[in-house]
Amino acid sequence: AEQQLAQVRSRIAEVETQRISQADVDAAFADFDNVWNALSSREQAQVLALLIDRVEFDPADSTLAITFHPSAIRTLAQGSVEDAA
């Protein structure tokens, strides 16, 4: 039981480091339009591949769910902050 508890705590700590905040998202997309427009089509495709983990379409109700890579958004946010400095 003690070992399982330690494993669960370790996993929780790992998940916490992967969480992103609203501030991370805001920073990542603060100047996204200008950056996006400056990229070539190939670079835009690369950005999307880095940001998006999974896209799911439900044809029954025509909904689209997009799952982002948390680490990619954090990296993009850090780049935006560094660019602003």
N, C-alpha and C. Protein backbone atom coordinates (compact mmCIF):
# COMPACT_ATOMS: atom_id res chain seq x y z
N ALA A 1 0.82 -1.19 0.00
CA ALA A 1 0.00 0.00 0.00
C ALA A 1 0.87 1.26 0.00
N GLU A 2 1.93 1.23 0.78
CA GLU A 2 2.83 2.40 0.84
C GLU A 2 3.48 2.66 -0.52
N GLN A 3 3.87 1.58 -1.18
CA GLN A 3 4.50 1.72 -2.49
C GLN A 3 3.51 2.27 -3.51
N GLN A 4 2.27 1.80 -3.47
CA GLN A 4 1.25 2.30 -4.38
C GLN A 4 0.98 3.77 -4.13
N LEU A 5 0.93 4.16 -2.85
CA LEU A 5 0.71 5.56 -2.50
C LEU A 5 1.84 6.43 -3.05
N ALA A 6 3.06 5.95 -2.92
CA ALA A 6 4.21 6.70 -3.44
C ALA A 6 4.13 6.83 -4.96
N GLN A 7 3.69 5.76 -5.63
CA GLN A 7 3.55 5.81 -7.08
C GLN A 7 2.46 6.79 -7.50
N VAL A 8 1.36 6.80 -6.77
CA VAL A 8 0.26 7.73 -7.08
C VAL A 8 0.72 9.16 -6.86
N ARG A 9 1.42 9.41 -5.77
CA ARG A 9 1.92 10.77 -5.51
C ARG A 9 2.90 11.21 -6.58
N SER A 10 3.74 10.28 -7.02
CA SER A 10 4.69 10.59 -8.08
C SER A 10 3.96 10.93 -9.38
N ARG A 11 2.94 10.17 -9.68
CA ARG A 11 2.16 10.42 -10.91
C ARG A 11 1.44 11.75 -10.83
N ILE A 12 0.89 12.08 -9.66
CA ILE A 12 0.21 13.37 -9.47
C ILE A 12 1.20 14.51 -9.70
N ALA A 13 2.38 14.39 -9.14
CA ALA A 13 3.40 15.43 -9.32
C ALA A 13 3.77 15.57 -10.80
N GLU A 14 3.86 14.45 -11.50
CA GLU A 14 4.17 14.48 -12.93
C GLU A 14 3.07 15.19 -13.72
N VAL A 15 1.83 14.87 -13.41
CA VAL A 15 0.69 15.49 -14.10
C VAL A 15 0.65 16.99 -13.81
N GLU A 16 0.93 17.36 -12.58
CA GLU A 16 0.92 18.78 -12.21
C GLU A 16 1.93 19.59 -13.02
N THR A 17 3.08 18.99 -13.33
CA THR A 17 4.08 19.72 -14.11
C THR A 17 3.65 19.89 -15.56
N GLN A 18 2.70 19.07 -16.01
CA GLN A 18 2.23 19.16 -17.39
C GLN A 18 1.02 20.08 -17.54
N ARG A 19 0.43 20.49 -16.45
CA ARG A 19 -0.74 21.37 -16.53
C ARG A 19 -0.32 22.74 -17.03
N ILE A 20 -1.19 23.35 -17.78
CA ILE A 20 -0.92 24.71 -18.25
C ILE A 20 -1.98 25.63 -17.67
N SER A 21 -1.60 26.85 -17.48
CA SER A 21 -2.52 27.83 -16.91
C SER A 21 -3.12 28.68 -18.02
N GLN A 22 -4.13 29.43 -17.67
CA GLN A 22 -4.71 30.37 -18.62
C GLN A 22 -3.67 31.40 -19.04
N ALA A 23 -2.80 31.77 -18.12
CA ALA A 23 -1.73 32.73 -18.45
C ALA A 23 -0.79 32.15 -19.50
N ASP A 24 -0.50 30.83 -19.41
CA ASP A 24 0.33 30.19 -20.43
C ASP A 24 -0.33 30.28 -21.81
N VAL A 25 -1.61 29.99 -21.85
CA VAL A 25 -2.35 30.03 -23.12
C VAL A 25 -2.40 31.45 -23.66
N ASP A 26 -2.71 32.41 -22.78
CA ASP A 26 -2.77 33.81 -23.21
C ASP A 26 -1.44 34.28 -23.77
N ALA A 27 -0.35 33.92 -23.10
CA ALA A 27 0.98 34.33 -23.57
C ALA A 27 1.31 33.67 -24.90
N ALA A 28 0.94 32.41 -25.04
CA ALA A 28 1.25 31.68 -26.27
C ALA A 28 0.56 32.27 -27.49
N PHE A 29 -0.64 32.76 -27.28
CA PHE A 29 -1.43 33.23 -28.42
C PHE A 29 -1.58 34.75 -28.46
N ALA A 30 -0.81 35.47 -27.67
CA ALA A 30 -0.92 36.93 -27.59
C ALA A 30 -0.73 37.59 -28.95
N ASP A 31 0.26 37.18 -29.69
CA ASP A 31 0.55 37.79 -30.99
C ASP A 31 0.48 36.74 -32.10
N PHE A 32 -0.39 35.78 -31.92
CA PHE A 32 -0.43 34.63 -32.82
C PHE A 32 -0.77 35.02 -34.25
N ASP A 33 -1.69 35.95 -34.44
CA ASP A 33 -2.08 36.34 -35.80
C ASP A 33 -0.90 36.87 -36.60
N ASN A 34 -0.13 37.76 -36.00
CA ASN A 34 1.03 38.32 -36.70
C ASN A 34 2.08 37.26 -36.98
N VAL A 35 2.33 36.40 -35.99
CA VAL A 35 3.31 35.33 -36.18
C VAL A 35 2.82 34.38 -37.28
N TRP A 36 1.56 33.99 -37.21
CA TRP A 36 0.99 33.05 -38.18
C TRP A 36 1.11 33.60 -39.60
N ASN A 37 0.78 34.86 -39.78
CA ASN A 37 0.83 35.47 -41.11
C ASN A 37 2.24 35.58 -41.66
N ALA A 38 3.24 35.60 -40.78
CA ALA A 38 4.62 35.70 -41.22
C ALA A 38 5.21 34.34 -41.60
N LEU A 39 4.51 33.26 -41.26
CA LEU A 39 5.01 31.92 -41.54
C LEU A 39 4.63 31.45 -42.94
N SER A 40 5.48 30.62 -43.52
CA SER A 40 5.14 29.98 -44.79
C SER A 40 4.12 28.88 -44.51
N SER A 41 3.51 28.35 -45.55
CA SER A 41 2.54 27.26 -45.39
C SER A 41 3.18 26.05 -44.72
N ARG A 42 4.40 25.76 -45.08
CA ARG A 42 5.12 24.62 -44.47
C ARG A 42 5.35 24.86 -42.99
N GLU A 43 5.75 26.07 -42.63
CA GLU A 43 5.97 26.40 -41.22
C GLU A 43 4.67 26.36 -40.43
N GLN A 44 3.58 26.82 -41.05
CA GLN A 44 2.28 26.75 -40.39
C GLN A 44 1.90 25.30 -40.10
N ALA A 45 2.14 24.42 -41.05
CA ALA A 45 1.84 23.00 -40.86
C ALA A 45 2.69 22.42 -39.73
N GLN A 46 3.94 22.83 -39.64
CA GLN A 46 4.81 22.36 -38.57
C GLN A 46 4.32 22.85 -37.21
N VAL A 47 3.88 24.10 -37.13
CA VAL A 47 3.36 24.64 -35.88
C VAL A 47 2.13 23.85 -35.44
N LEU A 48 1.23 23.59 -36.38
CA LEU A 48 0.03 22.82 -36.05
C LEU A 48 0.38 21.41 -35.57
N ALA A 49 1.35 20.78 -36.22
CA ALA A 49 1.76 19.44 -35.81
C ALA A 49 2.35 19.44 -34.41
N LEU A 50 3.05 20.51 -34.05
CA LEU A 50 3.63 20.61 -32.71
C LEU A 50 2.57 20.91 -31.65
N LEU A 51 1.59 21.72 -31.99
CA LEU A 51 0.58 22.14 -31.02
C LEU A 51 -0.52 21.12 -30.78
N ILE A 52 -0.94 20.43 -31.84
CA ILE A 52 -2.12 19.58 -31.76
C ILE A 52 -1.73 18.13 -31.52
N ASP A 53 -2.31 17.56 -30.48
CA ASP A 53 -2.09 16.16 -30.14
C ASP A 53 -3.08 15.27 -30.87
N ARG A 54 -4.36 15.68 -30.86
CA ARG A 54 -5.40 14.83 -31.44
C ARG A 54 -6.58 15.69 -31.86
N VAL A 55 -7.21 15.31 -32.97
CA VAL A 55 -8.44 15.94 -33.44
C VAL A 55 -9.47 14.83 -33.59
N GLU A 56 -10.62 15.02 -32.95
CA GLU A 56 -11.68 14.02 -33.02
C GLU A 56 -12.95 14.67 -33.57
N PHE A 57 -13.54 14.04 -34.57
CA PHE A 57 -14.79 14.52 -35.14
C PHE A 57 -15.87 13.50 -34.84
N ASP A 58 -16.99 13.99 -34.31
CA ASP A 58 -18.14 13.13 -34.03
C ASP A 58 -19.19 13.41 -35.09
N PRO A 59 -19.34 12.52 -36.07
CA PRO A 59 -20.30 12.77 -37.14
C PRO A 59 -21.75 12.75 -36.67
N ALA A 60 -22.01 12.10 -35.55
CA ALA A 60 -23.39 12.02 -35.06
C ALA A 60 -23.94 13.39 -34.71
N ASP A 61 -23.10 14.22 -34.09
CA ASP A 61 -23.58 15.57 -33.73
C ASP A 61 -22.72 16.68 -34.34
N SER A 62 -21.86 16.31 -35.28
CA SER A 62 -21.01 17.27 -36.01
C SER A 62 -20.16 18.13 -35.08
N THR A 63 -19.60 17.51 -34.04
CA THR A 63 -18.72 18.26 -33.14
C THR A 63 -17.27 17.89 -33.40
N LEU A 64 -16.40 18.83 -33.08
CA LEU A 64 -14.98 18.66 -33.27
C LEU A 64 -14.30 18.91 -31.93
N ALA A 65 -13.45 17.99 -31.50
CA ALA A 65 -12.69 18.15 -30.26
C ALA A 65 -11.21 18.15 -30.61
N ILE A 66 -10.51 19.18 -30.14
CA ILE A 66 -9.07 19.31 -30.40
C ILE A 66 -8.34 19.20 -29.07
N THR A 67 -7.38 18.29 -29.01
CA THR A 67 -6.54 18.14 -27.82
C THR A 67 -5.15 18.65 -28.16
N PHE A 68 -4.67 19.59 -27.36
CA PHE A 68 -3.36 20.19 -27.59
C PHE A 68 -2.29 19.50 -26.76
N HIS A 69 -1.05 19.55 -27.23
CA HIS A 69 0.09 19.09 -26.44
C HIS A 69 0.37 20.17 -25.39
N PRO A 70 0.20 19.89 -24.10
CA PRO A 70 0.44 20.91 -23.07
C PRO A 70 1.86 21.46 -23.12
N SER A 71 2.83 20.61 -23.34
CA SER A 71 4.21 21.09 -23.35
C SER A 71 4.48 22.02 -24.52
N ALA A 72 3.82 21.80 -25.64
CA ALA A 72 4.01 22.67 -26.80
C ALA A 72 3.45 24.05 -26.55
N ILE A 73 2.30 24.12 -25.91
CA ILE A 73 1.72 25.42 -25.60
C ILE A 73 2.60 26.17 -24.61
N ARG A 74 3.11 25.46 -23.61
CA ARG A 74 4.00 26.11 -22.64
C ARG A 74 5.26 26.62 -23.33
N THR A 75 5.82 25.84 -24.24
CA THR A 75 7.01 26.26 -24.98
C THR A 75 6.71 27.48 -25.83
N LEU A 76 5.57 27.48 -26.50
CA LEU A 76 5.17 28.63 -27.30
C LEU A 76 4.98 29.86 -26.42
N ALA A 77 4.39 29.68 -25.24
CA ALA A 77 4.19 30.78 -24.31
C ALA A 77 5.53 31.34 -23.85
N GLN A 78 6.48 30.47 -23.54
CA GLN A 78 7.79 30.93 -23.10
C GLN A 78 8.49 31.68 -24.21
N GLY A 79 8.33 31.24 -25.44
CA GLY A 79 8.91 31.95 -26.58
C GLY A 79 8.30 33.31 -26.75
N SER A 80 6.98 33.44 -26.52
CA SER A 80 6.31 34.73 -26.63
C SER A 80 6.79 35.68 -25.57
N VAL A 81 7.00 35.17 -24.35
CA VAL A 81 7.48 36.01 -23.26
C VAL A 81 8.90 36.46 -23.55
N GLU A 82 9.74 35.54 -24.05
CA GLU A 82 11.12 35.89 -24.37
C GLU A 82 11.18 36.89 -25.52
N ASP A 83 10.30 36.75 -26.51
CA ASP A 83 10.26 37.68 -27.63
C ASP A 83 9.85 39.07 -27.18
N ALA A 84 8.97 39.13 -26.17
CA ALA A 84 8.48 40.42 -25.69
C ALA A 84 9.53 41.13 -24.85
N ALA A 85 10.48 40.38 -24.28
CA ALA A 85 11.49 40.97 -23.39
C ALA A 85 12.55 41.72 -24.17
